[in-house]
Amino acid sequence: MLNIAAVIEHLGPSQKSFYLIKEFNKAINTNNICVSVFFQKSTVPVVPLMFSSKSVSFLSGFHHNAICTSINEADLLLKSSNNSNKYLYLWDLEWLYQPKDYSSICKILLDQRLSIIARSHVHAKLIENFCNKKPIGILDNWNFNELMGIICNK
C-alpha cells in the first residue's frame, strides 16, 4: 500500500485546496493507494473530503510520503521526527512577492531530506536559479497521475 499525505496550512477556500481535494478524492478509487491530509489550521474544506484529514500534531506518527506546499510547511516537515519521504511541492515562489531571508529559505530548500517539485517549467528554472537545486519533477495543479509518476520514479 502506498501512503501519501499532504501537509497544508488549511483546506479552506483557495485554488491550492480545491485542486488538492479534487485530485485526492479521485485517488481514493485507486487500489493500493491511501491519501490523507495534515492541516495546521482547522477550517471548513472548500469541497467535501472523501479521505482522512487530521491536525499536523499527528504528523510525527506518519512514516510514508509527505508533501508540503510552502517554505513554512517544509520547515515544519523537516523538524518533524518521522521517517517520511519529504517533498516540497512549491505552489508559489513566496520569495518573489514577500520579503524572506535568503539564507533561511536556502537552508530549507537545500536540505538533502527534501525533494522539490515545481508547478511549471518556468518555476523549475526559477527555483534552480535561486538555490542551485533542480526540482525532481513538474506537477500541474496536484494532478494525481503526475504525482504518482514523480513519487514512484524517485
Protein backbone atom coordinates (compact mmCIF):
# COMPACT_ATOMS: atom_id res chain seq x y z
CA MET A 1 0.00 0.00 0.00
CA LEU A 2 1.35 3.42 -1.00
CA ASN A 3 0.55 6.15 1.55
CA ILE A 4 0.65 9.80 0.51
CA ALA A 5 -0.18 12.75 2.75
CA ALA A 6 -0.27 16.46 2.08
CA VAL A 7 0.87 18.84 4.80
CA ILE A 8 -1.04 22.07 4.26
CA GLU A 9 -1.89 25.22 6.19
CA HIS A 10 -5.67 24.81 5.75
CA LEU A 11 -8.27 23.25 3.47
CA GLY A 12 -10.41 26.38 3.25
CA PRO A 13 -11.28 28.30 0.09
CA SER A 14 -8.22 28.54 -2.16
CA GLN A 15 -7.15 27.25 -5.54
CA LYS A 16 -4.50 25.07 -3.90
CA SER A 17 -7.02 23.41 -1.55
CA PHE A 18 -9.59 22.95 -4.31
CA TYR A 19 -7.19 21.07 -6.62
CA LEU A 20 -5.67 19.08 -3.75
CA ILE A 21 -9.06 17.84 -2.55
CA LYS A 22 -10.30 17.22 -6.11
CA GLU A 23 -7.28 15.08 -7.01
CA PHE A 24 -7.10 13.24 -3.66
CA ASN A 25 -10.84 12.46 -3.90
CA LYS A 26 -10.13 10.87 -7.31
CA ALA A 27 -7.17 8.94 -5.89
CA ILE A 28 -9.24 7.04 -3.33
CA ASN A 29 -10.68 4.99 -6.21
CA THR A 30 -7.19 3.67 -6.98
CA ASN A 31 -6.26 0.31 -5.48
CA ASN A 32 -3.33 0.16 -3.06
CA ILE A 33 -3.17 3.93 -2.53
CA CYS A 34 -4.12 5.71 0.67
CA VAL A 35 -4.25 9.52 0.77
CA SER A 36 -4.66 11.89 3.69
CA VAL A 37 -4.04 15.48 4.75
CA PHE A 38 -2.40 17.04 7.79
CA PHE A 39 -3.59 20.62 8.33
CA GLN A 40 -2.25 23.44 10.52
CA LYS A 41 -5.50 25.42 10.83
CA SER A 42 -8.89 23.80 11.13
CA THR A 43 -11.31 25.21 8.55
CA VAL A 44 -14.34 24.07 6.63
CA PRO A 45 -13.00 22.39 3.46
CA VAL A 46 -13.66 24.17 0.18
CA VAL A 47 -15.29 20.95 -1.15
CA PRO A 48 -16.25 17.74 0.70
CA LEU A 49 -13.41 15.35 1.60
CA MET A 50 -13.53 11.63 0.85
CA PHE A 51 -10.26 10.88 2.68
CA SER A 52 -8.73 11.29 6.12
CA SER A 53 -7.69 14.71 7.42
CA LYS A 54 -6.10 15.41 10.77
CA SER A 55 -4.16 18.01 12.66
CA VAL A 56 -0.48 18.41 11.90
CA SER A 57 0.16 17.47 15.53
CA PHE A 58 -0.25 13.83 14.39
CA LEU A 59 2.48 14.15 11.73
CA SER A 60 5.18 12.55 13.88
CA GLY A 61 3.37 9.20 13.56
CA PHE A 62 3.33 9.29 9.75
CA HIS A 63 6.21 7.41 8.08
CA HIS A 64 5.38 7.43 4.37
CA ASN A 65 5.30 10.08 1.57
CA ALA A 66 4.62 13.60 2.89
CA ILE A 67 4.16 16.56 0.55
CA CYS A 68 4.10 20.17 1.73
CA THR A 69 3.46 23.27 -0.38
CA SER A 70 5.24 26.23 1.23
CA ILE A 71 8.53 27.15 2.87
CA ASN A 72 6.92 27.28 6.34
CA GLU A 73 5.29 23.87 5.86
CA ALA A 74 8.63 22.47 4.62
CA ASP A 75 10.34 23.76 7.75
CA LEU A 76 7.65 22.09 9.87
CA LEU A 77 8.00 18.84 7.91
CA LEU A 78 11.79 18.81 8.26
CA LYS A 79 11.51 19.41 12.01
CA SER A 80 9.03 16.56 12.48
CA SER A 81 10.50 13.43 14.00
CA ASN A 82 9.18 10.98 11.46
CA ASN A 83 10.81 8.82 8.83
CA SER A 84 8.79 10.00 5.85
CA ASN A 85 9.89 10.73 2.32
CA LYS A 86 9.68 14.52 2.30
CA TYR A 87 8.59 16.52 -0.75
CA LEU A 88 8.10 20.24 -1.24
CA TYR A 89 5.61 20.99 -4.00
CA LEU A 90 6.33 24.71 -4.35
CA TRP A 91 2.90 26.05 -5.17
CA ASP A 92 4.09 29.69 -5.10
CA LEU A 93 7.56 31.19 -5.21
CA GLU A 94 6.98 33.08 -1.97
CA TRP A 95 10.27 34.98 -2.01
CA LEU A 96 9.25 36.79 -5.22
CA TYR A 97 6.34 38.68 -3.68
CA GLN A 98 7.06 38.67 0.05
CA PRO A 99 10.40 39.59 1.64
CA LYS A 100 12.10 36.48 3.05
CA ASP A 101 15.55 35.77 4.42
CA TYR A 102 17.60 34.20 1.64
CA SER A 103 19.75 32.10 4.00
CA SER A 104 16.76 30.63 5.81
CA ILE A 105 14.97 29.70 2.59
CA CYS A 106 18.10 28.17 1.06
CA LYS A 107 18.78 26.16 4.21
CA ILE A 108 15.34 24.58 3.83
CA LEU A 109 15.45 24.14 0.04
CA LEU A 110 18.94 22.62 0.07
CA ASP A 111 18.18 20.12 2.84
CA GLN A 112 19.05 16.68 1.43
CA ARG A 113 15.95 15.09 3.01
CA LEU A 114 13.68 17.33 0.92
CA SER A 115 12.86 16.70 -2.75
CA ILE A 116 11.46 19.71 -4.60
CA ILE A 117 8.60 19.51 -7.09
CA ALA A 118 7.85 22.55 -9.26
CA ARG A 119 4.48 23.72 -10.53
CA SER A 120 5.70 24.56 -14.04
CA HIS A 121 8.85 24.56 -16.15
CA VAL A 122 9.23 28.30 -15.52
CA HIS A 123 9.01 27.73 -11.75
CA ALA A 124 11.58 24.91 -12.05
CA LYS A 125 14.08 27.23 -13.73
CA LEU A 126 13.49 29.97 -11.14
CA ILE A 127 13.95 27.51 -8.26
CA GLU A 128 17.17 26.14 -9.73
CA ASN A 129 18.48 29.67 -10.34
CA PHE A 130 17.54 30.71 -6.78
CA CYS A 131 19.09 27.86 -4.79
CA ASN A 132 21.01 25.75 -7.32
CA LYS A 133 18.87 22.66 -6.66
CA LYS A 134 16.99 21.11 -9.54
CA PRO A 135 13.38 20.02 -8.91
CA ILE A 136 12.73 16.29 -9.38
CA GLY A 137 9.57 16.90 -11.37
CA ILE A 138 6.80 19.18 -12.61
CA LEU A 139 3.30 18.82 -11.15
CA ASP A 140 0.35 20.78 -12.51
CA ASN A 141 -2.46 21.53 -10.03
CA TRP A 142 -1.96 18.38 -7.90
CA ASN A 143 -2.54 16.09 -10.91
CA PHE A 144 -2.52 12.70 -9.21
CA ASN A 145 -1.19 10.71 -12.19
CA GLU A 146 1.75 13.10 -12.49
CA LEU A 147 2.31 12.93 -8.72
CA MET A 148 2.42 9.13 -8.83
CA GLY A 149 4.97 9.27 -11.65
CA ILE A 150 7.19 11.61 -9.63
CA ILE A 151 6.99 9.64 -6.37
CA CYS A 152 7.39 6.22 -7.98
CA ASN A 153 10.37 7.31 -10.12
CA LYS A 154 12.30 8.97 -7.30
